[in-house]
């Protein structure tokens, strides 16, 4: 079966790529989301759970920005230059995956006090929640489109060497 570059990335160099590009971001995003629900529900402004959430937010924001930079330079640019994309489904999967940085980096920057400094604690909590939710949406869109066989959209040559 032919696959998108998103799935090909996860399937190659096992288990390292799966850990680097899927397990770490997903585990951090899930930890961030679960702690976020408790923080929002209980209106926590401090404490151990808030510290945990802040630490995870800073880590995943910079970690995923590193993934974005690496994959943009080593996958997106070469695939675009060579015309190597496997239909629009491939572009959607990779594009939505990488767009996660648009949601995670602001979380890290906000937690470090570099952006949204003049916002109230409630406004920051709302922004944080929206950014976490936005990441979950784009990550799931990427996963769904990443699992589609591009041949059902348009026939393509076999992916040799994958």
N, C-alpha and C. Protein backbone atom coordinates (compact mmCIF):
# COMPACT_ATOMS: atom_id res chain seq x y z
N UNK A 1 0.85 -1.19 0.00
CA UNK A 1 0.00 0.00 0.00
C UNK A 1 0.88 1.24 0.00
N UNK A 2 0.55 2.19 -0.82
CA UNK A 2 1.25 3.46 -0.83
C UNK A 2 0.74 4.31 0.32
N UNK A 3 1.58 5.23 0.78
CA UNK A 3 1.19 6.04 1.94
C UNK A 3 1.67 7.46 1.78
N UNK A 4 1.09 8.32 2.60
CA UNK A 4 1.52 9.71 2.61
C UNK A 4 2.91 9.81 3.22
N UNK A 5 3.56 10.92 3.00
CA UNK A 5 4.87 11.13 3.60
C UNK A 5 4.78 11.19 5.12
N UNK A 6 3.64 11.63 5.63
CA UNK A 6 3.39 11.67 7.08
C UNK A 6 3.51 10.26 7.66
N UNK A 7 2.81 9.31 7.06
CA UNK A 7 2.85 7.93 7.55
C UNK A 7 4.20 7.28 7.25
N UNK A 8 4.77 7.61 6.13
CA UNK A 8 6.08 7.07 5.77
C UNK A 8 7.14 7.51 6.79
N UNK A 9 7.06 8.76 7.23
CA UNK A 9 7.98 9.25 8.25
C UNK A 9 7.85 8.44 9.53
N UNK A 10 6.62 8.19 9.95
CA UNK A 10 6.39 7.45 11.20
C UNK A 10 6.77 5.98 11.07
N UNK A 11 6.61 5.43 9.88
CA UNK A 11 6.87 4.00 9.67
C UNK A 11 8.36 3.70 9.47
N UNK A 12 9.13 4.67 9.02
CA UNK A 12 10.55 4.41 8.78
C UNK A 12 11.37 4.65 10.05
N UNK A 13 12.55 4.04 10.08
CA UNK A 13 13.49 4.20 11.20
C UNK A 13 12.84 3.86 12.54
N UNK A 14 12.12 2.76 12.55
CA UNK A 14 11.40 2.34 13.76
C UNK A 14 12.34 1.96 14.88
N UNK A 15 12.06 2.23 16.11
CA UNK A 15 10.92 3.00 16.61
C UNK A 15 11.25 4.48 16.80
N UNK A 16 12.47 4.90 16.42
CA UNK A 16 12.92 6.25 16.70
C UNK A 16 11.99 7.33 16.13
N UNK A 17 11.65 7.25 14.85
CA UNK A 17 10.79 8.27 14.26
C UNK A 17 9.42 8.30 14.92
N UNK A 18 8.90 7.16 15.24
CA UNK A 18 7.60 7.10 15.90
C UNK A 18 7.66 7.80 17.26
N UNK A 19 8.73 7.59 17.98
CA UNK A 19 8.89 8.23 19.29
C UNK A 19 9.07 9.74 19.14
N UNK A 20 9.98 10.14 18.26
CA UNK A 20 10.32 11.56 18.11
C UNK A 20 9.16 12.37 17.55
N UNK A 21 8.53 11.86 16.47
CA UNK A 21 7.54 12.65 15.75
C UNK A 21 6.09 12.40 16.17
N UNK A 22 5.84 11.31 16.91
CA UNK A 22 4.47 11.03 17.31
C UNK A 22 4.32 10.86 18.82
N UNK A 23 5.08 9.96 19.41
CA UNK A 23 4.86 9.64 20.83
C UNK A 23 5.12 10.84 21.73
N UNK A 24 6.25 11.49 21.60
CA UNK A 24 6.56 12.62 22.48
C UNK A 24 5.54 13.74 22.32
N UNK A 25 5.25 14.20 21.08
CA UNK A 25 4.25 15.27 20.96
C UNK A 25 2.86 14.86 21.46
N UNK A 26 2.43 13.65 21.17
CA UNK A 26 1.08 13.23 21.57
C UNK A 26 0.99 13.06 23.09
N UNK A 27 1.99 12.44 23.69
CA UNK A 27 1.96 12.27 25.15
C UNK A 27 1.98 13.63 25.85
N UNK A 28 2.82 14.53 25.37
CA UNK A 28 2.85 15.87 25.95
C UNK A 28 1.53 16.62 25.74
N UNK A 29 0.98 16.51 24.53
CA UNK A 29 -0.30 17.18 24.25
C UNK A 29 -1.42 16.61 25.11
N UNK A 30 -1.42 15.32 25.31
CA UNK A 30 -2.46 14.72 26.16
C UNK A 30 -2.28 15.12 27.61
N UNK A 31 -1.04 15.15 28.09
CA UNK A 31 -0.78 15.60 29.46
C UNK A 31 -1.18 17.07 29.62
N UNK A 32 -0.87 17.87 28.62
CA UNK A 32 -1.24 19.28 28.63
C UNK A 32 -2.75 19.44 28.64
N UNK A 33 -3.43 18.67 27.82
CA UNK A 33 -4.90 18.76 27.72
C UNK A 33 -5.58 18.33 29.01
N UNK A 34 -5.17 17.21 29.56
CA UNK A 34 -5.80 16.71 30.78
C UNK A 34 -5.58 17.69 31.93
N UNK A 35 -4.35 18.16 32.08
CA UNK A 35 -4.09 19.12 33.15
C UNK A 35 -4.83 20.43 32.89
N UNK A 36 -4.97 20.79 31.63
CA UNK A 36 -5.68 22.01 31.25
C UNK A 36 -7.14 21.96 31.71
N UNK A 37 -7.79 20.81 31.52
CA UNK A 37 -9.17 20.67 31.96
C UNK A 37 -9.30 20.89 33.47
N UNK A 38 -8.41 20.30 34.24
CA UNK A 38 -8.45 20.47 35.69
C UNK A 38 -8.19 21.92 36.08
N UNK A 39 -7.25 22.56 35.39
CA UNK A 39 -6.91 23.95 35.69
C UNK A 39 -8.09 24.87 35.38
N UNK A 40 -8.70 24.69 34.22
CA UNK A 40 -9.82 25.54 33.83
C UNK A 40 -11.03 25.28 34.72
N UNK A 41 -11.33 24.02 34.95
CA UNK A 41 -12.51 23.67 35.76
C UNK A 41 -12.39 24.21 37.18
N UNK A 42 -11.20 24.12 37.75
CA UNK A 42 -11.00 24.57 39.13
C UNK A 42 -10.43 25.99 39.23
N UNK A 43 -10.24 26.64 38.09
CA UNK A 43 -9.70 28.00 38.03
C UNK A 43 -8.39 28.13 38.81
N UNK A 44 -7.51 27.16 38.60
CA UNK A 44 -6.23 27.15 39.31
C UNK A 44 -5.28 28.19 38.72
N UNK A 45 -4.71 29.00 39.57
CA UNK A 45 -3.74 30.00 39.13
C UNK A 45 -2.33 29.64 39.60
N UNK A 46 -2.23 28.67 40.50
CA UNK A 46 -0.93 28.23 41.01
C UNK A 46 -1.05 26.81 41.53
N UNK A 47 0.07 26.26 41.98
CA UNK A 47 0.07 24.91 42.52
C UNK A 47 0.83 23.94 41.62
N UNK A 48 0.93 22.71 42.10
CA UNK A 48 1.69 21.69 41.41
C UNK A 48 1.17 21.38 40.02
N UNK A 49 -0.13 21.28 39.86
CA UNK A 49 -0.70 20.97 38.55
C UNK A 49 -0.46 22.10 37.57
N UNK A 50 -0.57 23.33 38.05
CA UNK A 50 -0.31 24.48 37.18
C UNK A 50 1.16 24.52 36.78
N UNK A 51 2.06 24.18 37.70
CA UNK A 51 3.49 24.13 37.39
C UNK A 51 3.78 23.04 36.37
N UNK A 52 3.16 21.88 36.55
CA UNK A 52 3.30 20.77 35.59
C UNK A 52 2.84 21.21 34.20
N UNK A 53 1.66 21.84 34.13
CA UNK A 53 1.09 22.30 32.88
C UNK A 53 2.01 23.33 32.21
N UNK A 54 2.54 24.23 33.00
CA UNK A 54 3.44 25.26 32.48
C UNK A 54 4.71 24.63 31.91
N UNK A 55 5.29 23.69 32.65
CA UNK A 55 6.51 23.01 32.23
C UNK A 55 6.30 22.24 30.93
N UNK A 56 5.22 21.48 30.87
CA UNK A 56 4.89 20.73 29.65
C UNK A 56 4.65 21.69 28.49
N UNK A 57 3.94 22.78 28.75
CA UNK A 57 3.66 23.76 27.70
C UNK A 57 4.92 24.37 27.11
N UNK A 58 5.87 24.71 27.96
CA UNK A 58 7.13 25.28 27.49
C UNK A 58 7.91 24.22 26.70
N UNK A 59 8.01 23.02 27.27
CA UNK A 59 8.75 21.95 26.59
C UNK A 59 8.18 21.64 25.21
N UNK A 60 6.87 21.35 25.14
CA UNK A 60 6.29 20.92 23.87
C UNK A 60 6.27 22.06 22.86
N UNK A 61 6.16 23.30 23.32
CA UNK A 61 6.20 24.44 22.40
C UNK A 61 7.51 24.52 21.65
N UNK A 62 8.61 24.40 22.38
CA UNK A 62 9.92 24.47 21.74
C UNK A 62 10.29 23.16 21.03
N UNK A 63 9.90 22.05 21.62
CA UNK A 63 10.18 20.75 20.99
C UNK A 63 9.50 20.67 19.62
N UNK A 64 8.23 21.02 19.56
CA UNK A 64 7.50 20.92 18.30
C UNK A 64 7.96 21.97 17.30
N UNK A 65 8.39 23.11 17.78
CA UNK A 65 8.96 24.11 16.86
C UNK A 65 10.23 23.57 16.23
N UNK A 66 11.02 22.81 16.99
CA UNK A 66 12.19 22.14 16.43
C UNK A 66 11.81 21.12 15.38
N UNK A 67 10.75 20.35 15.65
CA UNK A 67 10.25 19.39 14.66
C UNK A 67 9.82 20.13 13.39
N UNK A 68 9.09 21.23 13.58
CA UNK A 68 8.65 22.03 12.43
C UNK A 68 9.84 22.45 11.58
N UNK A 69 10.84 23.04 12.21
CA UNK A 69 12.02 23.54 11.47
C UNK A 69 12.72 22.40 10.74
N UNK A 70 12.92 21.28 11.44
CA UNK A 70 13.60 20.14 10.84
C UNK A 70 12.84 19.59 9.63
N UNK A 71 11.54 19.35 9.80
CA UNK A 71 10.76 18.77 8.71
C UNK A 71 10.52 19.76 7.58
N UNK A 72 10.40 21.03 7.90
CA UNK A 72 10.21 22.02 6.85
C UNK A 72 11.43 22.04 5.93
N UNK A 73 12.60 22.08 6.54
CA UNK A 73 13.83 22.15 5.75
C UNK A 73 14.18 20.82 5.07
N UNK A 74 13.89 19.69 5.73
CA UNK A 74 14.33 18.39 5.22
C UNK A 74 13.24 17.60 4.50
N UNK A 75 12.01 18.06 4.55
CA UNK A 75 10.93 17.34 3.86
C UNK A 75 10.11 18.26 2.97
N UNK A 76 9.54 19.32 3.54
CA UNK A 76 8.63 20.18 2.78
C UNK A 76 9.35 20.85 1.61
N UNK A 77 10.47 21.48 1.87
CA UNK A 77 11.19 22.18 0.79
C UNK A 77 11.62 21.21 -0.30
N UNK A 78 12.30 20.09 0.04
CA UNK A 78 12.70 19.16 -1.02
C UNK A 78 11.52 18.55 -1.78
N UNK A 79 10.46 18.19 -1.07
CA UNK A 79 9.29 17.60 -1.76
C UNK A 79 8.63 18.61 -2.68
N UNK A 80 8.59 19.86 -2.26
CA UNK A 80 7.99 20.90 -3.09
C UNK A 80 8.86 21.17 -4.32
N UNK A 81 10.15 21.23 -4.12
CA UNK A 81 11.06 21.50 -5.24
C UNK A 81 11.08 20.36 -6.25
N UNK A 82 10.96 19.14 -5.77
CA UNK A 82 11.02 17.99 -6.68
C UNK A 82 9.66 17.54 -7.19
N UNK A 83 8.60 18.15 -6.69
CA UNK A 83 7.26 17.72 -7.08
C UNK A 83 6.94 16.33 -6.53
N UNK A 84 7.47 15.99 -5.38
CA UNK A 84 7.34 14.66 -4.82
C UNK A 84 6.12 14.41 -3.95
N UNK A 85 5.23 15.36 -3.86
CA UNK A 85 4.03 15.17 -3.03
C UNK A 85 3.12 14.11 -3.64
N UNK A 86 2.49 13.32 -2.80
CA UNK A 86 1.58 12.26 -3.24
C UNK A 86 0.15 12.76 -3.13
N UNK A 87 -0.24 13.61 -3.99
CA UNK A 87 -1.56 14.23 -4.08
C UNK A 87 -1.77 15.26 -2.98
N UNK A 88 -2.88 15.95 -3.06
CA UNK A 88 -3.22 16.99 -2.09
C UNK A 88 -3.41 16.41 -0.69
N UNK A 89 -3.76 15.15 -0.59
CA UNK A 89 -3.94 14.50 0.71
C UNK A 89 -2.62 14.52 1.49
N UNK A 90 -1.54 14.27 0.80
CA UNK A 90 -0.21 14.29 1.40
C UNK A 90 0.12 15.68 1.92
N UNK A 91 -0.16 16.69 1.12
CA UNK A 91 0.11 18.08 1.51
C UNK A 91 -0.72 18.45 2.74
N UNK A 92 -1.99 18.05 2.76
CA UNK A 92 -2.86 18.34 3.90
C UNK A 92 -2.32 17.66 5.16
N UNK A 93 -1.96 16.39 5.06
CA UNK A 93 -1.46 15.66 6.24
C UNK A 93 -0.22 16.32 6.81
N UNK A 94 0.76 16.59 5.97
CA UNK A 94 2.02 17.18 6.44
C UNK A 94 1.78 18.63 6.88
N UNK A 95 0.99 19.36 6.10
CA UNK A 95 0.72 20.76 6.44
C UNK A 95 0.02 20.92 7.78
N UNK A 96 -1.00 20.11 8.02
CA UNK A 96 -1.70 20.20 9.29
C UNK A 96 -0.82 19.75 10.45
N UNK A 97 -0.01 18.72 10.22
CA UNK A 97 0.92 18.28 11.27
C UNK A 97 1.84 19.43 11.66
N UNK A 98 2.47 20.04 10.67
CA UNK A 98 3.41 21.11 10.95
C UNK A 98 2.74 22.36 11.51
N UNK A 99 1.47 22.58 11.18
CA UNK A 99 0.77 23.76 11.69
C UNK A 99 0.57 23.69 13.20
N UNK A 100 0.81 22.54 13.79
CA UNK A 100 0.74 22.42 15.24
C UNK A 100 1.67 23.41 15.94
N UNK A 101 2.77 23.78 15.30
CA UNK A 101 3.70 24.75 15.88
C UNK A 101 3.04 26.11 16.07
N UNK A 102 2.06 26.44 15.23
CA UNK A 102 1.35 27.72 15.35
C UNK A 102 0.55 27.80 16.65
N UNK A 103 0.24 26.65 17.22
CA UNK A 103 -0.52 26.60 18.48
C UNK A 103 0.38 26.35 19.68
N UNK A 104 1.42 25.54 19.50
CA UNK A 104 2.26 25.16 20.63
C UNK A 104 3.32 26.20 20.98
N UNK A 105 3.91 26.84 19.99
CA UNK A 105 4.93 27.85 20.29
C UNK A 105 4.33 29.01 21.09
N UNK A 106 3.16 29.53 20.74
CA UNK A 106 2.59 30.60 21.57
C UNK A 106 2.33 30.18 23.01
N UNK A 107 2.02 28.91 23.24
CA UNK A 107 1.85 28.44 24.61
C UNK A 107 3.16 28.60 25.38
N UNK A 108 4.26 28.16 24.78
CA UNK A 108 5.57 28.28 25.43
C UNK A 108 5.92 29.75 25.67
N UNK A 109 5.71 30.57 24.67
CA UNK A 109 6.04 31.99 24.80
C UNK A 109 5.17 32.68 25.85
N UNK A 110 3.91 32.30 25.93
CA UNK A 110 3.01 32.86 26.94
C UNK A 110 3.44 32.42 28.33
N UNK A 111 3.80 31.15 28.47
CA UNK A 111 4.22 30.63 29.78
C UNK A 111 5.51 31.30 30.25
N UNK A 112 6.35 31.70 29.32
CA UNK A 112 7.60 32.39 29.67
C UNK A 112 7.40 33.90 29.86
N UNK A 113 6.18 34.37 29.64
CA UNK A 113 5.87 35.79 29.81
C UNK A 113 6.37 36.66 28.68
N UNK A 114 6.60 36.07 27.51
CA UNK A 114 7.10 36.84 26.38
C UNK A 114 5.98 37.43 25.52
N UNK A 115 4.80 36.84 25.59
CA UNK A 115 3.64 37.38 24.88
C UNK A 115 2.45 37.40 25.84
N UNK A 116 1.46 38.20 25.53
CA UNK A 116 0.22 38.33 26.30
C UNK A 116 0.47 38.77 27.74
N UNK A 117 1.51 39.58 27.95
CA UNK A 117 1.85 40.02 29.31
C UNK A 117 0.77 40.87 29.95
N UNK A 118 0.06 41.63 29.15
CA UNK A 118 -0.93 42.55 29.72
C UNK A 118 -2.31 41.92 29.87
N UNK A 119 -2.43 40.66 29.51
CA UNK A 119 -3.71 39.96 29.65
C UNK A 119 -3.93 39.55 31.10
N UNK A 120 -5.19 39.50 31.51
CA UNK A 120 -5.50 39.05 32.86
C UNK A 120 -5.29 37.54 32.95
N UNK A 121 -5.29 37.02 34.16
CA UNK A 121 -5.11 35.58 34.36
C UNK A 121 -6.23 34.80 33.67
N UNK A 122 -7.45 35.30 33.73
CA UNK A 122 -8.57 34.63 33.06
C UNK A 122 -8.42 34.66 31.54
N UNK A 123 -7.97 35.78 31.01
CA UNK A 123 -7.76 35.88 29.56
C UNK A 123 -6.64 34.93 29.11
N UNK A 124 -5.58 34.85 29.89
CA UNK A 124 -4.49 33.93 29.56
C UNK A 124 -4.98 32.48 29.62
N UNK A 125 -5.80 32.17 30.59
CA UNK A 125 -6.34 30.82 30.71
C UNK A 125 -7.19 30.48 29.49
N UNK A 126 -7.98 31.43 29.04
CA UNK A 126 -8.83 31.25 27.86
C UNK A 126 -7.96 31.05 26.60
N UNK A 127 -6.95 31.88 26.44
CA UNK A 127 -6.04 31.78 25.28
C UNK A 127 -5.33 30.43 25.30
N UNK A 128 -4.84 30.04 26.46
CA UNK A 128 -4.14 28.76 26.62
C UNK A 128 -5.04 27.61 26.21
N UNK A 129 -6.27 27.63 26.67
CA UNK A 129 -7.24 26.57 26.37
C UNK A 129 -7.53 26.52 24.87
N UNK A 130 -7.69 27.67 24.25
CA UNK A 130 -7.96 27.74 22.81
C UNK A 130 -6.76 27.19 22.03
N UNK A 131 -5.55 27.54 22.44
CA UNK A 131 -4.35 27.05 21.75
C UNK A 131 -4.21 25.54 21.88
N UNK A 132 -4.47 25.01 23.07
CA UNK A 132 -4.41 23.55 23.25
C UNK A 132 -5.45 22.88 22.35
N UNK A 133 -6.67 23.41 22.36
CA UNK A 133 -7.72 22.85 21.51
C UNK A 133 -7.37 22.94 20.04
N UNK A 134 -6.80 24.06 19.62
CA UNK A 134 -6.39 24.22 18.22
C UNK A 134 -5.35 23.19 17.81
N UNK A 135 -4.39 22.94 18.71
CA UNK A 135 -3.39 21.91 18.40
C UNK A 135 -4.05 20.54 18.24
N UNK A 136 -4.96 20.21 19.13
CA UNK A 136 -5.62 18.91 19.04
C UNK A 136 -6.37 18.75 17.72
N UNK A 137 -7.01 19.81 17.27
CA UNK A 137 -7.75 19.76 15.99
C UNK A 137 -6.79 19.51 14.83
N UNK A 138 -5.73 20.31 14.72
CA UNK A 138 -4.84 20.15 13.57
C UNK A 138 -4.09 18.82 13.63
N UNK A 139 -3.75 18.36 14.83
CA UNK A 139 -3.07 17.07 14.96
C UNK A 139 -3.96 15.93 14.51
N UNK A 140 -5.23 16.00 14.84
CA UNK A 140 -6.15 14.93 14.44
C UNK A 140 -6.45 14.98 12.94
N UNK A 141 -6.56 16.17 12.38
CA UNK A 141 -6.73 16.28 10.93
C UNK A 141 -5.52 15.67 10.23
N UNK A 142 -4.32 15.97 10.73
CA UNK A 142 -3.10 15.41 10.15
C UNK A 142 -3.11 13.89 10.23
N UNK A 143 -3.51 13.35 11.37
CA UNK A 143 -3.53 11.89 11.52
C UNK A 143 -4.53 11.24 10.57
N UNK A 144 -5.69 11.84 10.45
CA UNK A 144 -6.73 11.27 9.57
C UNK A 144 -6.26 11.29 8.12
N UNK A 145 -5.82 12.44 7.64
CA UNK A 145 -5.38 12.53 6.25
C UNK A 145 -4.08 11.74 6.04
N UNK A 146 -3.25 11.66 7.07
CA UNK A 146 -2.01 10.91 6.96
C UNK A 146 -2.23 9.43 6.76
N UNK A 147 -3.36 8.91 7.21
CA UNK A 147 -3.66 7.48 7.07
C UNK A 147 -4.35 7.13 5.75
N UNK A 148 -4.71 8.14 4.98
CA UNK A 148 -5.37 7.89 3.70
C UNK A 148 -4.35 7.38 2.69
N UNK A 149 -4.73 6.38 1.93
CA UNK A 149 -3.90 5.91 0.83
C UNK A 149 -4.05 6.91 -0.31
N UNK A 150 -2.99 7.63 -0.67
CA UNK A 150 -3.10 8.66 -1.71
C UNK A 150 -3.58 8.11 -3.06
N UNK A 151 -3.44 6.80 -3.30
CA UNK A 151 -3.88 6.23 -4.57
C UNK A 151 -5.38 6.31 -4.75
N UNK A 152 -6.14 6.42 -3.67
CA UNK A 152 -7.59 6.52 -3.86
C UNK A 152 -7.98 7.89 -4.40
N UNK A 153 -7.09 8.86 -4.25
CA UNK A 153 -7.33 10.20 -4.80
C UNK A 153 -6.85 10.27 -6.25
N UNK A 154 -5.69 9.76 -6.46
CA UNK A 154 -5.09 9.79 -7.81
C UNK A 154 -4.00 8.71 -7.84
N UNK A 155 -3.86 8.05 -8.94
CA UNK A 155 -2.83 7.01 -8.99
C UNK A 155 -1.45 7.68 -8.93
N UNK A 156 -0.51 6.99 -8.32
CA UNK A 156 0.85 7.52 -8.19
C UNK A 156 1.83 6.39 -8.36
N UNK A 157 3.05 6.69 -8.67
CA UNK A 157 4.05 5.62 -8.80
C UNK A 157 4.35 5.01 -7.43
N UNK A 158 4.81 3.78 -7.45
CA UNK A 158 5.16 3.10 -6.21
C UNK A 158 6.28 3.85 -5.48
N UNK A 159 6.23 3.85 -4.16
CA UNK A 159 7.23 4.54 -3.35
C UNK A 159 8.35 3.55 -3.04
N UNK A 160 9.31 3.49 -3.91
CA UNK A 160 10.41 2.56 -3.70
C UNK A 160 11.34 3.09 -2.63
N UNK A 161 11.93 2.20 -1.90
CA UNK A 161 12.90 2.58 -0.88
C UNK A 161 12.29 3.08 0.41
N UNK A 162 11.01 3.00 0.57
CA UNK A 162 10.38 3.48 1.81
C UNK A 162 10.28 2.36 2.81
